[in-house]
C-alpha atoms as a PDB file:
ATOM      1  CA  MET A   1       0.000   0.000   0.000  1.00  0.00           C
ATOM      2  CA  ASP A   2       1.057   3.565  -0.473  1.00  0.00           C
ATOM      3  CA  SER A   3       2.671   5.091   2.564  1.00  0.00           C
ATOM      4  CA  LEU A   4       1.248   8.577   1.976  1.00  0.00           C
ATOM      5  CA  ASN A   5      -1.353   9.629   4.469  1.00  0.00           C
ATOM      6  CA  SER A   6      -2.155  13.257   3.720  1.00  0.00           C
ATOM      7  CA  SER A   7      -5.535  14.634   4.677  1.00  0.00           C
ATOM      8  CA  ASP A   8      -6.519  15.134   1.019  1.00  0.00           C
ATOM      9  CA  GLN A   9      -5.623  11.556   0.055  1.00  0.00           C
ATOM     10  CA  ALA A  10      -8.652   9.369  -0.613  1.00  0.00           C
ATOM     11  CA  TRP A  11      -8.643   5.867   0.851  1.00  0.00           C
ATOM     12  CA  TYR A  12     -10.610   2.932  -0.505  1.00  0.00           C
ATOM     13  CA  VAL A  13     -11.904  -0.273   1.015  1.00  0.00           C
ATOM     14  CA  TYR A  14     -12.042  -3.029  -1.581  1.00  0.00           C
ATOM     15  CA  LEU A  15     -13.085  -6.625  -2.058  1.00  0.00           C
ATOM     16  CA  LEU A  16     -11.409  -9.038  -4.447  1.00  0.00           C
ATOM     17  CA  ARG A  17     -12.737 -12.363  -5.652  1.00  0.00           C
ATOM     18  CA  CYS A  18      -9.870 -14.827  -5.834  1.00  0.00           C
ATOM     19  CA  ALA A  19      -9.498 -17.744  -8.259  1.00  0.00           C
ATOM     20  CA  ASP A  20     -10.726 -20.167  -5.566  1.00  0.00           C
ATOM     21  CA  ASN A  21     -13.916 -18.044  -5.176  1.00  0.00           C
ATOM     22  CA  SER A  22     -12.834 -16.699  -1.780  1.00  0.00           C
ATOM     23  CA  LEU A  23     -13.069 -12.976  -0.986  1.00  0.00           C
ATOM     24  CA  TYR A  24     -10.216 -10.745   0.183  1.00  0.00           C
ATOM     25  CA  CYS A  25     -10.795  -7.345   1.803  1.00  0.00           C
ATOM     26  CA  GLY A  26      -8.219  -4.577   2.068  1.00  0.00           C
ATOM     27  CA  ILE A  27      -7.610  -0.824   1.983  1.00  0.00           C
ATOM     28  CA  THR A  28      -5.485   1.312  -0.326  1.00  0.00           C
ATOM     29  CA  THR A  29      -5.091   4.744  -1.868  1.00  0.00           C
ATOM     30  CA  ASN A  30      -4.571   3.276  -5.347  1.00  0.00           C
ATOM     31  CA  ILE A  31      -6.900   0.417  -6.278  1.00  0.00           C
ATOM     32  CA  GLU A  32      -5.434  -0.251  -9.724  1.00  0.00           C
ATOM     33  CA  LYS A  33      -1.881  -0.501  -8.392  1.00  0.00           C
ATOM     34  CA  ARG A  34      -2.977  -2.663  -5.473  1.00  0.00           C
ATOM     35  CA  LEU A  35      -4.848  -5.070  -7.751  1.00  0.00           C
ATOM     36  CA  ARG A  36      -1.711  -5.411  -9.898  1.00  0.00           C
ATOM     37  CA  GLN A  37       0.256  -6.190  -6.723  1.00  0.00           C
ATOM     38  CA  HIS A  38      -2.251  -8.849  -5.672  1.00  0.00           C
ATOM     39  CA  ASN A  39      -2.061 -10.443  -9.129  1.00  0.00           C
ATOM     40  CA  GLY A  40       1.738 -10.549  -9.095  1.00  0.00           C
ATOM     41  CA  GLU A  41       2.323  -7.906 -11.782  1.00  0.00           C
ATOM     42  CA  LEU A  42       4.014  -5.657  -9.194  1.00  0.00           C
ATOM     43  CA  THR A  43       5.750  -6.580  -5.951  1.00  0.00           C
ATOM     44  CA  GLY A  44       3.858  -6.172  -2.693  1.00  0.00           C
ATOM     45  CA  GLY A  45       0.767  -8.360  -2.928  1.00  0.00           C
ATOM     46  CA  ALA A  46      -0.673 -10.063   0.133  1.00  0.00           C
ATOM     47  CA  LYS A  47       0.434 -13.612   0.975  1.00  0.00           C
ATOM     48  CA  TYR A  48      -3.223 -14.698   0.890  1.00  0.00           C
ATOM     49  CA  THR A  49      -3.829 -13.521  -2.676  1.00  0.00           C
ATOM     50  CA  LYS A  50      -0.468 -14.702  -4.020  1.00  0.00           C
ATOM     51  CA  ALA A  51      -1.633 -18.282  -3.500  1.00  0.00           C
ATOM     52  CA  ARG A  52      -5.108 -17.583  -4.952  1.00  0.00           C
ATOM     53  CA  LYS A  53      -4.529 -15.473  -8.049  1.00  0.00           C
ATOM     54  CA  PRO A  54      -5.810 -14.243 -10.354  1.00  0.00           C
ATOM     55  CA  CYS A  55      -7.948 -11.870  -8.322  1.00  0.00           C
ATOM     56  CA  GLN A  56     -10.716  -9.659  -9.636  1.00  0.00           C
ATOM     57  CA  LEU A  57     -11.984  -6.416  -8.091  1.00  0.00           C
ATOM     58  CA  VAL A  58     -15.663  -6.863  -7.239  1.00  0.00           C
ATOM     59  CA  TYR A  59     -16.350  -3.955  -4.851  1.00  0.00           C
ATOM     60  CA  SER A  60     -14.842  -0.720  -3.598  1.00  0.00           C
ATOM     61  CA  GLU A  61     -15.976   2.224  -1.524  1.00  0.00           C
ATOM     62  CA  LYS A  62     -14.273   5.526  -0.784  1.00  0.00           C
ATOM     63  CA  SER A  63     -13.289   6.639   2.709  1.00  0.00           C
ATOM     64  CA  GLU A  64     -12.034  10.055   3.719  1.00  0.00           C
ATOM     65  CA  THR A  65      -9.270   8.869   6.051  1.00  0.00           C
ATOM     66  CA  ARG A  66      -7.114   5.823   6.622  1.00  0.00           C
ATOM     67  CA  SER A  67      -8.753   5.415  10.024  1.00  0.00           C
ATOM     68  CA  SER A  68     -12.290   5.329   8.597  1.00  0.00           C
ATOM     69  CA  ALA A  69     -11.151   2.925   5.849  1.00  0.00           C
ATOM     70  CA  SER A  70      -9.603   0.615   8.454  1.00  0.00           C
ATOM     71  CA  LYS A  71     -12.758   0.658  10.562  1.00  0.00           C
ATOM     72  CA  ARG A  72     -14.896  -0.166   7.527  1.00  0.00           C
ATOM     73  CA  GLU A  73     -12.465  -2.920   6.500  1.00  0.00           C
ATOM     74  CA  TYR A  74     -12.878  -4.451   9.965  1.00  0.00           C
ATOM     75  CA  GLU A  75     -16.686  -4.266   9.667  1.00  0.00           C
ATOM     76  CA  ILE A  76     -16.620  -5.975   6.280  1.00  0.00           C
ATOM     77  CA  LYS A  77     -14.233  -8.683   7.485  1.00  0.00           C
ATOM     78  CA  GLN A  78     -16.727  -9.511  10.264  1.00  0.00           C
ATOM     79  CA  MET A  79     -19.539 -10.089   7.738  1.00  0.00           C
ATOM     80  CA  SER A  80     -20.512 -13.475   6.367  1.00  0.00           C
ATOM     81  CA  LYS A  81     -19.537 -14.233   2.793  1.00  0.00           C
ATOM     82  CA  THR A  82     -23.200 -13.854   1.790  1.00  0.00           C
ATOM     83  CA  ALA A  83     -23.373 -10.388   3.365  1.00  0.00           C
ATOM     84  CA  LYS A  84     -20.127  -9.373   1.636  1.00  0.00           C
ATOM     85  CA  GLU A  85     -21.519 -10.550  -1.704  1.00  0.00           C
ATOM     86  CA  ALA A  86     -24.670  -8.488  -1.067  1.00  0.00           C
ATOM     87  CA  LEU A  87     -22.454  -5.372  -1.180  1.00  0.00           C
ATOM     88  CA  PHE A  88     -21.921  -5.989  -4.888  1.00  0.00           C
END
């Protein structure tokens, strides 16, 4: 993820569908770059997605701060897979 955390930087919470049909939730300031990392095109993808690529972006939502994005990520991670799928 990008290390910048300025107040005007938009943060995003996102969900990926992995090749094994599992869902991965994360936060970033650059969704396109992060997806490329998860799919192995750039270095820095998560260990979870490296073993389950290719991954496809299925949902994202904008947050104003890293803190609010992290809180929303936690909420989504607590949801059932069915509830996560209802988001998209």
